[in-house]
Amino acid sequence: MRVKYAAAFATASILSVGLAVVFSQSTINRVQAGPQTVAQSNPCAGANPCAGANPCAGADASTTDSTAPSVYSDTSGLAIRGTDPVAYFTESGPVQGSSQFEYEWNGATWRFASAQNRTRFASNPEAYAPQYGGYCAKAVSEGNLASIDPNAWRIVEGKLYLNYSAEVQQQWLQDVPGNIAKADANWPEVLVGNVVHQ
């Protein structure tokens, strides 16, 4: 009887020690892996070339006490990087504007491919200007501000939306209604206290 008890006790002890070693090893592996970075936990960061300052990641976005302009413009002061906003609607895509056809509106210089497009815009800028002042729609949906690529665009229900890159555009397209609703809720308050990620 004592032999059976001793054998059962020894077997249980060996199993307990074995489980403890396995459990502690998996705990060590988890601890060594450390917490997830923003780039790992944010689906937008993986394909985003500015993942270190990811415009789509809410947790680590830089903030400031200033207010960003209501229209995103590049270092030259050009909205949509000099692309004609009317062309998205009339030419079904981006067309580079000309310095011959410019219009000042909302603190930015807008360029157009033709005098006709400039006249259309001047008569009703809200109909042609991109949503969220031309900032990246995905970033605004996450409560941040980012520059745009004029080639990453979509017209939804008669409104122009721009995004940071083709990769970010694909992420935005995964839930267009949801991303628009989140960005609408964040706009224009997102202009206060955020820096623009280039």
N, C-alpha and C. Protein backbone atom coordinates (compact mmCIF):
# COMPACT_ATOMS: atom_id res chain seq x y z
N MET A 1 0.82 -1.18 0.00
CA MET A 1 0.00 0.00 0.00
C MET A 1 0.86 1.24 0.00
N ARG A 2 1.88 1.22 0.87
CA ARG A 2 2.77 2.37 0.91
C ARG A 2 3.52 2.53 -0.39
N VAL A 3 3.86 1.46 -1.03
CA VAL A 3 4.59 1.52 -2.31
C VAL A 3 3.70 2.15 -3.36
N LYS A 4 2.41 1.74 -3.42
CA LYS A 4 1.49 2.33 -4.39
C LYS A 4 1.32 3.82 -4.12
N TYR A 5 1.17 4.18 -2.83
CA TYR A 5 1.01 5.58 -2.46
C TYR A 5 2.25 6.38 -2.84
N ALA A 6 3.43 5.83 -2.55
CA ALA A 6 4.69 6.51 -2.87
C ALA A 6 4.84 6.66 -4.37
N ALA A 7 4.45 5.65 -5.13
CA ALA A 7 4.54 5.71 -6.59
C ALA A 7 3.58 6.75 -7.14
N ALA A 8 2.36 6.78 -6.62
CA ALA A 8 1.37 7.76 -7.06
C ALA A 8 1.84 9.17 -6.70
N PHE A 9 2.38 9.34 -5.50
CA PHE A 9 2.87 10.64 -5.07
C PHE A 9 4.03 11.10 -5.94
N ALA A 10 4.96 10.19 -6.24
CA ALA A 10 6.12 10.51 -7.07
C ALA A 10 5.66 10.90 -8.48
N THR A 11 4.70 10.17 -9.04
CA THR A 11 4.18 10.47 -10.37
C THR A 11 3.52 11.84 -10.39
N ALA A 12 2.71 12.13 -9.38
CA ALA A 12 2.03 13.42 -9.29
C ALA A 12 3.06 14.54 -9.14
N SER A 13 4.09 14.31 -8.37
CA SER A 13 5.12 15.32 -8.17
C SER A 13 5.85 15.61 -9.46
N ILE A 14 6.19 14.57 -10.20
CA ILE A 14 6.90 14.74 -11.47
C ILE A 14 6.02 15.52 -12.45
N LEU A 15 4.73 15.15 -12.51
CA LEU A 15 3.81 15.87 -13.40
C LEU A 15 3.68 17.34 -12.99
N SER A 16 3.59 17.60 -11.71
CA SER A 16 3.47 18.98 -11.22
C SER A 16 4.69 19.79 -11.58
N VAL A 17 5.88 19.21 -11.37
CA VAL A 17 7.12 19.91 -11.70
C VAL A 17 7.18 20.16 -13.20
N GLY A 18 6.79 19.15 -13.98
CA GLY A 18 6.81 19.30 -15.44
C GLY A 18 5.88 20.41 -15.90
N LEU A 19 4.67 20.46 -15.35
CA LEU A 19 3.72 21.52 -15.70
C LEU A 19 4.23 22.88 -15.27
N ALA A 20 4.84 22.94 -14.10
CA ALA A 20 5.37 24.21 -13.61
C ALA A 20 6.47 24.72 -14.52
N VAL A 21 7.33 23.83 -14.99
CA VAL A 21 8.40 24.24 -15.91
C VAL A 21 7.82 24.74 -17.21
N VAL A 22 6.86 24.01 -17.78
CA VAL A 22 6.22 24.42 -19.03
C VAL A 22 5.52 25.76 -18.85
N PHE A 23 4.75 25.91 -17.76
CA PHE A 23 4.03 27.16 -17.53
C PHE A 23 4.99 28.33 -17.35
N SER A 24 6.05 28.12 -16.55
CA SER A 24 6.98 29.23 -16.32
C SER A 24 7.71 29.59 -17.60
N GLN A 25 8.03 28.61 -18.44
CA GLN A 25 8.70 28.89 -19.71
C GLN A 25 7.80 29.73 -20.62
N SER A 26 6.49 29.39 -20.70
CA SER A 26 5.59 30.17 -21.55
C SER A 26 5.41 31.57 -20.98
N THR A 27 5.44 31.70 -19.64
CA THR A 27 5.33 33.03 -19.03
C THR A 27 6.58 33.85 -19.37
N ILE A 28 7.76 33.23 -19.29
CA ILE A 28 9.00 33.92 -19.63
C ILE A 28 8.94 34.39 -21.08
N ASN A 29 8.48 33.53 -21.98
CA ASN A 29 8.39 33.91 -23.39
C ASN A 29 7.47 35.10 -23.58
N ARG A 30 6.34 35.13 -22.86
CA ARG A 30 5.42 36.26 -22.99
C ARG A 30 6.04 37.52 -22.43
N VAL A 31 6.74 37.40 -21.30
CA VAL A 31 7.36 38.57 -20.70
C VAL A 31 8.46 39.09 -21.60
N GLN A 32 9.27 38.19 -22.17
CA GLN A 32 10.34 38.62 -23.05
C GLN A 32 9.80 39.30 -24.30
N ALA A 33 8.64 38.87 -24.77
CA ALA A 33 8.07 39.48 -25.96
C ALA A 33 7.68 40.92 -25.69
N GLY A 34 7.32 41.25 -24.47
CA GLY A 34 6.99 42.62 -24.11
C GLY A 34 5.64 43.03 -24.64
N PRO A 35 5.24 44.25 -24.30
CA PRO A 35 3.94 44.74 -24.75
C PRO A 35 3.97 45.03 -26.25
N GLN A 36 2.81 45.00 -26.87
CA GLN A 36 2.73 45.30 -28.29
C GLN A 36 3.01 46.77 -28.53
N THR A 37 3.70 47.04 -29.63
CA THR A 37 3.91 48.43 -30.01
C THR A 37 2.67 48.92 -30.74
N VAL A 38 2.58 50.24 -30.95
CA VAL A 38 1.46 50.80 -31.70
C VAL A 38 1.42 50.19 -33.09
N ALA A 39 2.60 49.99 -33.70
CA ALA A 39 2.65 49.44 -35.05
C ALA A 39 2.10 48.03 -35.09
N GLN A 40 2.29 47.23 -34.00
CA GLN A 40 1.77 45.87 -33.98
C GLN A 40 0.28 45.84 -33.70
N SER A 41 -0.21 46.75 -32.88
CA SER A 41 -1.62 46.71 -32.49
C SER A 41 -2.52 47.50 -33.41
N ASN A 42 -1.96 48.33 -34.27
CA ASN A 42 -2.77 49.16 -35.16
C ASN A 42 -2.67 48.65 -36.58
N PRO A 43 -3.77 48.21 -37.18
CA PRO A 43 -3.71 47.68 -38.54
C PRO A 43 -3.27 48.72 -39.56
N CYS A 44 -3.42 49.97 -39.24
CA CYS A 44 -3.02 51.03 -40.16
C CYS A 44 -1.51 51.19 -40.19
N ALA A 45 -0.84 50.86 -39.09
CA ALA A 45 0.59 51.10 -38.98
C ALA A 45 1.41 50.14 -39.82
N GLY A 46 0.93 48.92 -40.05
CA GLY A 46 1.73 47.93 -40.73
C GLY A 46 2.14 48.34 -42.13
N ALA A 47 1.24 48.94 -42.88
CA ALA A 47 1.55 49.33 -44.25
C ALA A 47 1.89 50.80 -44.37
N ASN A 48 1.88 51.50 -43.26
CA ASN A 48 2.06 52.94 -43.28
C ASN A 48 3.53 53.28 -43.20
N PRO A 49 4.09 53.99 -44.19
CA PRO A 49 5.50 54.31 -44.17
C PRO A 49 5.90 55.26 -43.03
N CYS A 50 4.96 55.90 -42.41
CA CYS A 50 5.32 56.76 -41.27
C CYS A 50 4.88 56.09 -39.97
N ALA A 51 5.09 54.78 -39.87
CA ALA A 51 4.61 54.01 -38.73
C ALA A 51 5.16 54.53 -37.41
N GLY A 52 6.33 55.15 -37.40
CA GLY A 52 6.88 55.70 -36.17
C GLY A 52 6.02 56.84 -35.64
N ALA A 53 5.41 57.58 -36.53
CA ALA A 53 4.50 58.67 -36.17
C ALA A 53 3.20 58.42 -36.90
N ASN A 54 2.63 57.26 -36.68
CA ASN A 54 1.49 56.76 -37.43
C ASN A 54 0.27 57.67 -37.31
N PRO A 55 -0.17 58.26 -38.42
CA PRO A 55 -1.32 59.15 -38.35
C PRO A 55 -2.62 58.44 -38.00
N CYS A 56 -2.63 57.14 -38.10
CA CYS A 56 -3.85 56.40 -37.82
C CYS A 56 -3.88 55.84 -36.40
N ALA A 57 -2.77 55.90 -35.67
CA ALA A 57 -2.71 55.32 -34.34
C ALA A 57 -3.06 56.37 -33.30
N GLY A 58 -4.11 56.13 -32.56
CA GLY A 58 -4.58 57.13 -31.61
C GLY A 58 -3.70 57.30 -30.39
N ALA A 59 -3.10 56.23 -29.88
CA ALA A 59 -2.42 56.29 -28.59
C ALA A 59 -1.17 57.14 -28.57
N ASP A 60 -0.35 57.08 -29.61
CA ASP A 60 0.95 57.74 -29.56
C ASP A 60 1.03 58.99 -30.42
N ALA A 61 -0.08 59.52 -30.87
CA ALA A 61 -0.03 60.70 -31.73
C ALA A 61 0.51 61.89 -30.93
N SER A 62 1.37 62.64 -31.58
CA SER A 62 1.91 63.84 -30.94
C SER A 62 0.82 64.90 -30.86
N THR A 63 0.87 65.67 -29.80
CA THR A 63 -0.10 66.74 -29.66
C THR A 63 0.63 68.04 -29.39
N THR A 64 -0.09 69.12 -29.60
CA THR A 64 0.45 70.45 -29.38
C THR A 64 -0.69 71.34 -28.94
N ASP A 65 -0.37 72.52 -28.46
CA ASP A 65 -1.40 73.46 -28.03
C ASP A 65 -1.97 74.26 -29.20
N SER A 66 -1.40 74.11 -30.38
CA SER A 66 -1.83 74.92 -31.51
C SER A 66 -3.02 74.29 -32.23
N THR A 67 -3.55 75.06 -33.17
CA THR A 67 -4.65 74.59 -34.00
C THR A 67 -4.15 74.50 -35.43
N ALA A 68 -4.39 73.36 -36.07
CA ALA A 68 -3.98 73.17 -37.46
C ALA A 68 -4.91 73.96 -38.37
N PRO A 69 -4.42 74.34 -39.55
CA PRO A 69 -5.29 75.04 -40.50
C PRO A 69 -6.48 74.18 -40.89
N SER A 70 -7.58 74.81 -41.26
CA SER A 70 -8.79 74.05 -41.62
C SER A 70 -8.65 73.32 -42.94
N VAL A 71 -7.67 73.70 -43.76
CA VAL A 71 -7.40 73.02 -45.02
C VAL A 71 -5.94 72.58 -45.02
N TYR A 72 -5.71 71.31 -45.30
CA TYR A 72 -4.33 70.83 -45.40
C TYR A 72 -3.70 71.41 -46.66
N SER A 73 -2.51 71.98 -46.50
CA SER A 73 -1.75 72.43 -47.66
C SER A 73 -0.30 72.03 -47.48
N ASP A 74 0.38 71.81 -48.59
CA ASP A 74 1.77 71.41 -48.53
C ASP A 74 2.64 72.61 -48.18
N THR A 75 3.95 72.44 -48.19
CA THR A 75 4.85 73.52 -47.80
C THR A 75 4.78 74.73 -48.73
N SER A 76 4.24 74.54 -49.92
CA SER A 76 4.06 75.65 -50.86
C SER A 76 2.72 76.35 -50.67
N GLY A 77 1.92 75.87 -49.74
CA GLY A 77 0.60 76.46 -49.50
C GLY A 77 -0.47 75.94 -50.44
N LEU A 78 -0.16 74.87 -51.18
CA LEU A 78 -1.11 74.32 -52.15
C LEU A 78 -2.01 73.25 -51.52
N ALA A 79 -3.30 73.39 -51.72
CA ALA A 79 -4.25 72.36 -51.30
C ALA A 79 -4.12 71.18 -52.26
N ILE A 80 -4.32 69.99 -51.76
CA ILE A 80 -4.26 68.73 -52.52
C ILE A 80 -2.96 68.64 -53.34
N ARG A 81 -1.90 69.21 -52.82
CA ARG A 81 -0.59 69.17 -53.47
C ARG A 81 -0.64 69.70 -54.91
N GLY A 82 -1.53 70.67 -55.13
CA GLY A 82 -1.63 71.29 -56.44
C GLY A 82 -2.53 70.56 -57.42
N THR A 83 -3.24 69.55 -56.95
CA THR A 83 -4.14 68.78 -57.81
C THR A 83 -5.49 69.49 -57.91
N ASP A 84 -6.09 69.45 -59.09
CA ASP A 84 -7.38 70.09 -59.37
C ASP A 84 -8.50 69.31 -58.68
N PRO A 85 -9.20 69.90 -57.69
CA PRO A 85 -10.27 69.17 -57.00
C PRO A 85 -11.48 68.90 -57.89
N VAL A 86 -11.75 69.76 -58.84
CA VAL A 86 -12.90 69.57 -59.73
C VAL A 86 -12.68 68.38 -60.65
N ALA A 87 -11.44 68.13 -61.03
CA ALA A 87 -11.13 67.03 -61.95
C ALA A 87 -11.51 65.67 -61.40
N TYR A 88 -11.49 65.50 -60.08
CA TYR A 88 -11.91 64.22 -59.50
C TYR A 88 -13.35 63.91 -59.92
N PHE A 89 -14.15 64.94 -60.07
CA PHE A 89 -15.56 64.76 -60.43
C PHE A 89 -15.78 64.75 -61.94
N THR A 90 -15.02 65.57 -62.67
CA THR A 90 -15.25 65.70 -64.11
C THR A 90 -14.37 64.78 -64.95
N GLU A 91 -13.19 64.45 -64.45
CA GLU A 91 -12.24 63.60 -65.18
C GLU A 91 -12.09 62.22 -64.54
N SER A 92 -12.82 61.98 -63.47
CA SER A 92 -12.78 60.70 -62.75
C SER A 92 -11.39 60.36 -62.22
N GLY A 93 -10.67 61.37 -61.80
CA GLY A 93 -9.36 61.12 -61.23
C GLY A 93 -8.56 62.39 -61.03
N PRO A 94 -7.40 62.25 -60.41
CA PRO A 94 -6.57 63.43 -60.15
C PRO A 94 -5.91 63.96 -61.42
N VAL A 95 -5.92 65.29 -61.55
CA VAL A 95 -5.24 65.98 -62.65
C VAL A 95 -4.48 67.12 -62.02
N GLN A 96 -3.22 67.25 -62.35
CA GLN A 96 -2.40 68.32 -61.79
C GLN A 96 -2.93 69.67 -62.25
N GLY A 97 -3.05 70.59 -61.30
CA GLY A 97 -3.48 71.94 -61.62
C GLY A 97 -2.32 72.78 -62.14
N SER A 98 -2.65 73.96 -62.61
CA SER A 98 -1.66 74.87 -63.19
C SER A 98 -1.60 76.15 -62.38
N SER A 99 -0.41 76.74 -62.31
CA SER A 99 -0.26 78.02 -61.62
C SER A 99 -1.01 79.14 -62.35
N GLN A 100 -1.41 78.89 -63.60
CA GLN A 100 -2.21 79.87 -64.36
C GLN A 100 -3.64 79.95 -63.84
N PHE A 101 -4.10 78.88 -63.20
CA PHE A 101 -5.49 78.83 -62.74
C PHE A 101 -5.52 78.54 -61.25
N GLU A 102 -5.38 79.58 -60.45
CA GLU A 102 -5.37 79.44 -59.00
C GLU A 102 -6.54 80.19 -58.39
N TYR A 103 -6.91 79.72 -57.19
CA TYR A 103 -7.99 80.37 -56.44
C TYR A 103 -7.66 80.24 -54.96
N GLU A 104 -7.75 81.33 -54.23
CA GLU A 104 -7.49 81.34 -52.78
C GLU A 104 -8.81 81.08 -52.06
N TRP A 105 -8.81 80.06 -51.22
CA TRP A 105 -10.02 79.75 -50.45
C TRP A 105 -9.64 79.04 -49.16
N ASN A 106 -10.20 79.46 -48.07
CA ASN A 106 -10.02 78.82 -46.76
C ASN A 106 -8.55 78.71 -46.36
N GLY A 107 -7.77 79.73 -46.70
CA GLY A 107 -6.38 79.77 -46.27
C GLY A 107 -5.41 78.97 -47.11
N ALA A 108 -5.85 78.46 -48.24
CA ALA A 108 -4.97 77.66 -49.09
C ALA A 108 -5.11 78.11 -50.55
N THR A 109 -4.11 77.78 -51.34
CA THR A 109 -4.16 78.04 -52.77
C THR A 109 -4.58 76.76 -53.47
N TRP A 110 -5.64 76.87 -54.25
CA TRP A 110 -6.18 75.73 -55.00
C TRP A 110 -5.81 75.92 -56.46
N ARG A 111 -5.31 74.89 -57.08
CA ARG A 111 -4.94 74.94 -58.50
C ARG A 111 -5.92 74.11 -59.33
N PHE A 112 -6.06 74.55 -60.59
CA PHE A 112 -7.01 73.90 -61.49
C PHE A 112 -6.36 73.68 -62.84
N ALA A 113 -6.87 72.70 -63.55
CA ALA A 113 -6.36 72.37 -64.88
C ALA A 113 -6.89 73.33 -65.94
N SER A 114 -7.97 74.03 -65.63
CA SER A 114 -8.57 74.94 -66.61
C SER A 114 -9.28 76.10 -65.91
N ALA A 115 -9.54 77.15 -66.66
CA ALA A 115 -10.29 78.29 -66.13
C ALA A 115 -11.72 77.85 -65.80
N GLN A 116 -12.26 76.95 -66.59
CA GLN A 116 -13.62 76.45 -66.35
C GLN A 116 -13.70 75.75 -65.00
N ASN A 117 -12.73 74.92 -64.67
CA ASN A 117 -12.73 74.23 -63.38
C ASN A 117 -12.57 75.22 -62.23
N ARG A 118 -11.74 76.23 -62.41
CA ARG A 118 -11.57 77.25 -61.38
C ARG A 118 -12.90 77.97 -61.13
N THR A 119 -13.62 78.29 -62.21
CA THR A 119 -14.91 78.97 -62.08
C THR A 119 -15.92 78.08 -61.36
N ARG A 120 -15.94 76.80 -61.69
CA ARG A 120 -16.85 75.86 -61.01
C ARG A 120 -16.56 75.82 -59.51
N PHE A 121 -15.30 75.72 -59.17
CA PHE A 121 -14.92 75.66 -57.76
C PHE A 121 -15.29 76.96 -57.05
N ALA A 122 -14.96 78.09 -57.66
CA ALA A 122 -15.21 79.39 -57.03
C ALA A 122 -16.70 79.62 -56.77
N SER A 123 -17.54 79.06 -57.62
CA SER A 123 -18.98 79.25 -57.44
C SER A 123 -19.56 78.38 -56.33
N ASN A 124 -18.87 77.28 -55.97
CA ASN A 124 -19.38 76.38 -54.92
C ASN A 124 -18.24 75.51 -54.39
N PRO A 125 -17.31 76.10 -53.63
CA PRO A 125 -16.15 75.34 -53.16
C PRO A 125 -16.50 74.08 -52.36
N GLU A 126 -17.54 74.16 -51.53
CA GLU A 126 -17.90 73.00 -50.69
C GLU A 126 -18.30 71.78 -51.52
N ALA A 127 -18.77 72.00 -52.74
CA ALA A 127 -19.16 70.87 -53.59
C ALA A 127 -17.96 70.09 -54.11
N TYR A 128 -16.79 70.75 -54.21
CA TYR A 128 -15.62 70.11 -54.81
C TYR A 128 -14.46 69.88 -53.83
N ALA A 129 -14.39 70.66 -52.78
CA ALA A 129 -13.29 70.52 -51.83
C ALA A 129 -13.39 69.17 -51.12
N PRO A 130 -12.24 68.55 -50.85
CA PRO A 130 -12.27 67.26 -50.14
C PRO A 130 -12.78 67.42 -48.72
N GLN A 131 -13.35 66.35 -48.21
CA GLN A 131 -13.84 66.33 -46.83
C GLN A 131 -12.67 66.47 -45.87
N TYR A 132 -12.97 66.97 -44.69
CA TYR A 132 -12.00 67.13 -43.60
C TYR A 132 -10.83 68.01 -44.03
N GLY A 133 -11.13 69.02 -44.84
CA GLY A 133 -10.11 69.98 -45.24
C GLY A 133 -8.98 69.38 -46.06
N GLY A 134 -9.21 68.22 -46.63
CA GLY A 134 -8.16 67.58 -47.42
C GLY A 134 -7.14 66.82 -46.60
N TYR A 135 -7.38 66.65 -45.29
CA TYR A 135 -6.52 65.79 -44.48
C TYR A 135 -6.91 64.34 -44.75
N CYS A 136 -6.03 63.42 -44.40
CA CYS A 136 -6.27 61.99 -44.57
C CYS A 136 -7.54 61.57 -43.82
N ALA A 137 -8.50 61.01 -44.56
CA ALA A 137 -9.78 60.61 -43.96
C ALA A 137 -9.60 59.51 -42.90
N LYS A 138 -8.70 58.58 -43.15
CA LYS A 138 -8.46 57.50 -42.18
C LYS A 138 -7.88 58.07 -40.89
N ALA A 139 -6.91 58.97 -41.01
CA ALA A 139 -6.31 59.56 -39.82
C ALA A 139 -7.34 60.35 -39.03
N VAL A 140 -8.18 61.14 -39.71
CA VAL A 140 -9.21 61.91 -39.01
C VAL A 140 -10.18 60.95 -38.30
N SER A 141 -10.47 59.81 -38.91
CA SER A 141 -11.36 58.84 -38.25
C SER A 141 -10.74 58.31 -36.96
N GLU A 142 -9.42 58.36 -36.86
CA GLU A 142 -8.71 57.90 -35.66
C GLU A 142 -8.36 59.06 -34.72
N GLY A 143 -8.83 60.26 -35.06
CA GLY A 143 -8.57 61.41 -34.19
C GLY A 143 -7.23 62.07 -34.42
N ASN A 144 -6.65 61.90 -35.61
CA ASN A 144 -5.34 62.44 -35.93
C ASN A 144 -5.39 63.20 -37.25
N LEU A 145 -4.28 63.85 -37.57
CA LEU A 145 -4.16 64.58 -38.83
C LEU A 145 -2.96 64.05 -39.60
N ALA A 146 -3.13 63.85 -40.90
CA ALA A 146 -2.03 63.40 -41.75
C ALA A 146 -2.18 63.99 -43.13
N SER A 147 -1.05 64.11 -43.81
CA SER A 147 -1.05 64.59 -45.18
C SER A 147 -1.72 63.56 -46.10
N ILE A 148 -1.75 63.85 -47.36
CA ILE A 148 -2.45 62.97 -48.30
C ILE A 148 -1.62 62.70 -49.54
N ASP A 149 -2.02 61.67 -50.24
CA ASP A 149 -1.53 61.37 -51.58
C ASP A 149 -2.72 61.64 -52.51
N PRO A 150 -2.61 62.57 -53.45
CA PRO A 150 -3.75 62.88 -54.32
C PRO A 150 -4.27 61.67 -55.11
N ASN A 151 -3.44 60.62 -55.21
CA ASN A 151 -3.86 59.42 -55.93
C ASN A 151 -4.64 58.44 -55.06
N ALA A 152 -4.70 58.69 -53.77
CA ALA A 152 -5.46 57.84 -52.83
C ALA A 152 -6.77 58.56 -52.53
N TRP A 153 -7.75 58.34 -53.37
CA TRP A 153 -9.00 59.11 -53.29
C TRP A 153 -10.21 58.22 -53.57
N ARG A 154 -11.37 58.73 -53.16
CA ARG A 154 -12.64 58.06 -53.44
C ARG A 154 -13.74 59.09 -53.31
N ILE A 155 -14.70 59.05 -54.21
CA ILE A 155 -15.90 59.87 -54.09
C ILE A 155 -17.00 58.97 -53.55
N VAL A 156 -17.58 59.37 -52.42
CA VAL A 156 -18.65 58.62 -51.76
C VAL A 156 -19.82 59.57 -51.57
N GLU A 157 -20.94 59.20 -52.15
CA GLU A 157 -22.16 60.01 -52.06
C GLU A 157 -21.90 61.48 -52.42
N GLY A 158 -21.15 61.66 -53.51
CA GLY A 158 -20.89 63.00 -54.02
C GLY A 158 -19.86 63.81 -53.26
N LYS A 159 -19.11 63.17 -52.35
CA LYS A 159 -18.09 63.87 -51.57
C LYS A 159 -16.74 63.22 -51.80
N LEU A 160 -15.71 64.07 -51.90
CA LEU A 160 -14.34 63.61 -52.14
C LEU A 160 -13.62 63.33 -50.83
N TYR A 161 -13.03 62.14 -50.72
CA TYR A 161 -12.25 61.74 -49.56
C TYR A 161 -10.84 61.39 -50.03
N LEU A 162 -9.84 61.89 -49.32
CA LEU A 162 -8.44 61.62 -49.64
C LEU A 162 -7.80 60.86 -48.49
N ASN A 163 -6.76 60.10 -48.80
CA ASN A 163 -6.03 59.36 -47.77
C ASN A 163 -4.54 59.52 -47.93
N TYR A 164 -3.82 59.12 -46.90
CA TYR A 164 -2.37 59.28 -46.80
C TYR A 164 -1.60 58.54 -47.89
N SER A 165 -2.04 57.33 -48.22
CA SER A 165 -1.35 56.50 -49.21
C SER A 165 -2.33 55.46 -49.73
N ALA A 166 -1.90 54.72 -50.74
CA ALA A 166 -2.73 53.64 -51.29
C ALA A 166 -2.99 52.57 -50.23
N GLU A 167 -1.99 52.28 -49.39
CA GLU A 167 -2.15 51.27 -48.34
C GLU A 167 -3.17 51.73 -47.30
N VAL A 168 -3.07 52.97 -46.87
CA VAL A 168 -4.03 53.50 -45.90
C VAL A 168 -5.41 53.57 -46.53
N GLN A 169 -5.46 53.90 -47.81
CA GLN A 169 -6.74 53.93 -48.53
C GLN A 169 -7.42 52.56 -48.47
N GLN A 170 -6.66 51.51 -48.66
CA GLN A 170 -7.23 50.16 -48.61
C GLN A 170 -7.80 49.85 -47.23
N GLN A 171 -7.14 50.32 -46.19
CA GLN A 171 -7.65 50.11 -44.83
C GLN A 171 -8.93 50.92 -44.62
N TRP A 172 -8.95 52.14 -45.13
CA TRP A 172 -10.14 53.00 -45.02
C TRP A 172 -11.31 52.36 -45.75
N LEU A 173 -11.05 51.74 -46.89
CA LEU A 173 -12.11 51.13 -47.69
C LEU A 173 -12.73 49.90 -47.02
N GLN A 174 -12.08 49.32 -46.04
CA GLN A 174 -12.62 48.14 -45.36
C GLN A 174 -13.89 48.46 -44.58
N ASP A 175 -14.08 49.73 -44.20
CA ASP A 175 -15.30 50.13 -43.49
C ASP A 175 -15.57 51.60 -43.78
N VAL A 176 -15.93 51.89 -45.02
CA VAL A 176 -16.15 53.28 -45.43
C VAL A 176 -17.21 53.97 -44.57
N PRO A 177 -18.41 53.39 -44.41
CA PRO A 177 -19.41 54.09 -43.58
C PRO A 177 -18.95 54.32 -42.15
N GLY A 178 -18.32 53.32 -41.56
CA GLY A 178 -17.83 53.45 -40.19
C GLY A 178 -16.73 54.49 -40.06
N ASN A 179 -15.80 54.49 -41.01
CA ASN A 179 -14.71 55.46 -40.98
C ASN A 179 -15.22 56.88 -41.21
N ILE A 180 -16.20 57.03 -42.09
CA ILE A 180 -16.78 58.36 -42.32
C ILE A 180 -17.50 58.83 -41.06
N ALA A 181 -18.26 57.95 -40.43
CA ALA A 181 -18.99 58.33 -39.21
C ALA A 181 -18.02 58.75 -38.11
N LYS A 182 -16.92 58.00 -37.94
CA LYS A 182 -15.94 58.36 -36.90
C LYS A 182 -15.26 59.68 -37.23
N ALA A 183 -14.89 59.87 -38.50
CA ALA A 183 -14.23 61.12 -38.90
C ALA A 183 -15.17 62.30 -38.76
N ASP A 184 -16.44 62.12 -39.15
CA ASP A 184 -17.42 63.20 -38.99
C ASP A 184 -17.54 63.61 -37.52
N ALA A 185 -17.49 62.62 -36.63
CA ALA A 185 -17.59 62.91 -35.20
C ALA A 185 -16.35 63.65 -34.69
N ASN A 186 -15.20 63.40 -35.30
CA ASN A 186 -13.95 64.04 -34.87
C ASN A 186 -13.73 65.41 -35.49
N TRP A 187 -14.40 65.70 -36.60
CA TRP A 187 -14.17 66.94 -37.34
C TRP A 187 -15.10 68.05 -36.86
N PRO A 188 -14.64 69.25 -36.65
CA PRO A 188 -13.29 69.82 -36.83
C PRO A 188 -12.46 69.85 -35.55
N GLU A 189 -12.96 69.27 -34.46
CA GLU A 189 -12.24 69.32 -33.18
C GLU A 189 -10.84 68.73 -33.29
N VAL A 190 -10.63 67.80 -34.22
CA VAL A 190 -9.33 67.16 -34.40
C VAL A 190 -8.24 68.18 -34.78
N LEU A 191 -8.63 69.32 -35.27
CA LEU A 191 -7.66 70.36 -35.66
C LEU A 191 -6.94 70.95 -34.45
N VAL A 192 -7.55 70.85 -33.28
CA VAL A 192 -6.98 71.45 -32.07
C VAL A 192 -6.07 70.44 -31.38
N GLY A 193 -4.83 70.82 -31.17
CA GLY A 193 -3.90 70.02 -30.38
C GLY A 193 -3.22 68.89 -31.11
N ASN A 194 -3.40 68.74 -32.40
CA ASN A 194 -2.73 67.68 -33.15
C ASN A 194 -1.74 68.27 -34.13
N VAL A 195 -0.66 67.53 -34.35
CA VAL A 195 0.29 67.91 -35.39
C VAL A 195 -0.07 67.13 -36.64
N VAL A 196 0.33 67.64 -37.78
CA VAL A 196 0.05 66.97 -39.05
C VAL A 196 1.22 66.05 -39.36
N HIS A 197 0.94 64.76 -39.46
CA HIS A 197 1.97 63.79 -39.82
C HIS A 197 2.17 63.82 -41.32
N GLN A 198 3.39 64.07 -41.72
CA GLN A 198 3.70 64.17 -43.14
C GLN A 198 4.06 62.81 -43.67
